[in-house]
């Protein structure tokens, strides 16, 4: 996946088609609160862990 330089976490989530409300994001080992998603810029070499909530039973 290719993102523009300085893309934010929300840009990545948009490309994936995932709602900001249904994921938890860890950026370089630090958990982000939802309000940080639009202001956290991604750089080459960053590590992300994204956990998506899935409904079901």
Protein backbone atom coordinates (compact mmCIF):
# COMPACT_ATOMS: atom_id res chain seq x y z
CA UNK A 1 0.00 0.00 0.00
CA UNK A 2 1.31 3.43 -0.87
CA UNK A 3 0.52 6.56 1.12
CA UNK A 4 1.46 10.17 0.46
CA UNK A 5 4.34 11.63 2.47
CA UNK A 6 3.05 12.84 5.83
CA UNK A 7 -0.15 10.80 5.61
CA UNK A 8 -1.95 10.40 8.91
CA UNK A 9 -3.31 7.26 10.52
CA UNK A 10 -6.81 8.30 9.39
CA UNK A 11 -5.59 8.37 5.77
CA UNK A 12 -4.46 4.76 6.09
CA UNK A 13 -7.73 3.71 7.72
CA UNK A 14 -9.66 5.43 4.91
CA UNK A 15 -7.66 3.52 2.28
CA UNK A 16 -8.40 0.27 4.10
CA UNK A 17 -12.10 1.18 4.27
CA UNK A 18 -12.11 0.92 8.06
CA UNK A 19 -13.96 3.23 10.42
CA UNK A 20 -11.94 5.16 12.96
CA UNK A 21 -14.54 4.05 15.54
CA UNK A 22 -14.01 0.31 15.10
CA UNK A 23 -10.23 0.05 15.44
CA UNK A 24 -7.51 0.37 18.04
CA UNK A 25 -4.12 1.54 16.74
CA UNK A 26 -0.63 1.16 18.16
CA UNK A 27 2.04 3.32 16.48
CA UNK A 28 5.69 2.43 17.15
CA UNK A 29 4.72 0.63 20.36
CA UNK A 30 2.50 3.41 21.72
CA UNK A 31 -1.28 3.07 21.86
CA UNK A 32 -3.05 5.99 20.20
CA UNK A 33 -6.26 7.50 21.43
CA UNK A 34 -8.81 8.05 18.68
CA UNK A 35 -8.33 11.83 18.66
CA UNK A 36 -4.64 11.31 17.76
CA UNK A 37 -5.38 9.40 14.55
CA UNK A 38 -5.73 12.53 12.35
CA UNK A 39 -2.59 14.16 13.75
CA UNK A 40 -0.23 11.17 13.83
CA UNK A 41 1.90 11.28 10.69
CA UNK A 42 3.30 8.05 9.28
CA UNK A 43 6.87 7.69 8.11
CA UNK A 44 8.75 4.98 6.27
CA UNK A 45 9.79 2.32 8.79
CA UNK A 46 7.02 3.01 11.31
CA UNK A 47 5.41 0.01 12.94
CA UNK A 48 1.63 -0.18 13.25
CA UNK A 49 -0.60 -2.68 14.92
CA UNK A 50 -4.27 -2.25 14.08
CA UNK A 51 -6.97 -4.28 15.78
CA UNK A 52 -10.40 -4.18 14.15
CA UNK A 53 -13.54 -5.00 16.09
CA UNK A 54 -15.69 -7.63 14.41
CA UNK A 55 -19.26 -8.44 15.41
CA UNK A 56 -20.48 -11.98 15.43
CA UNK A 57 -21.32 -14.83 17.62
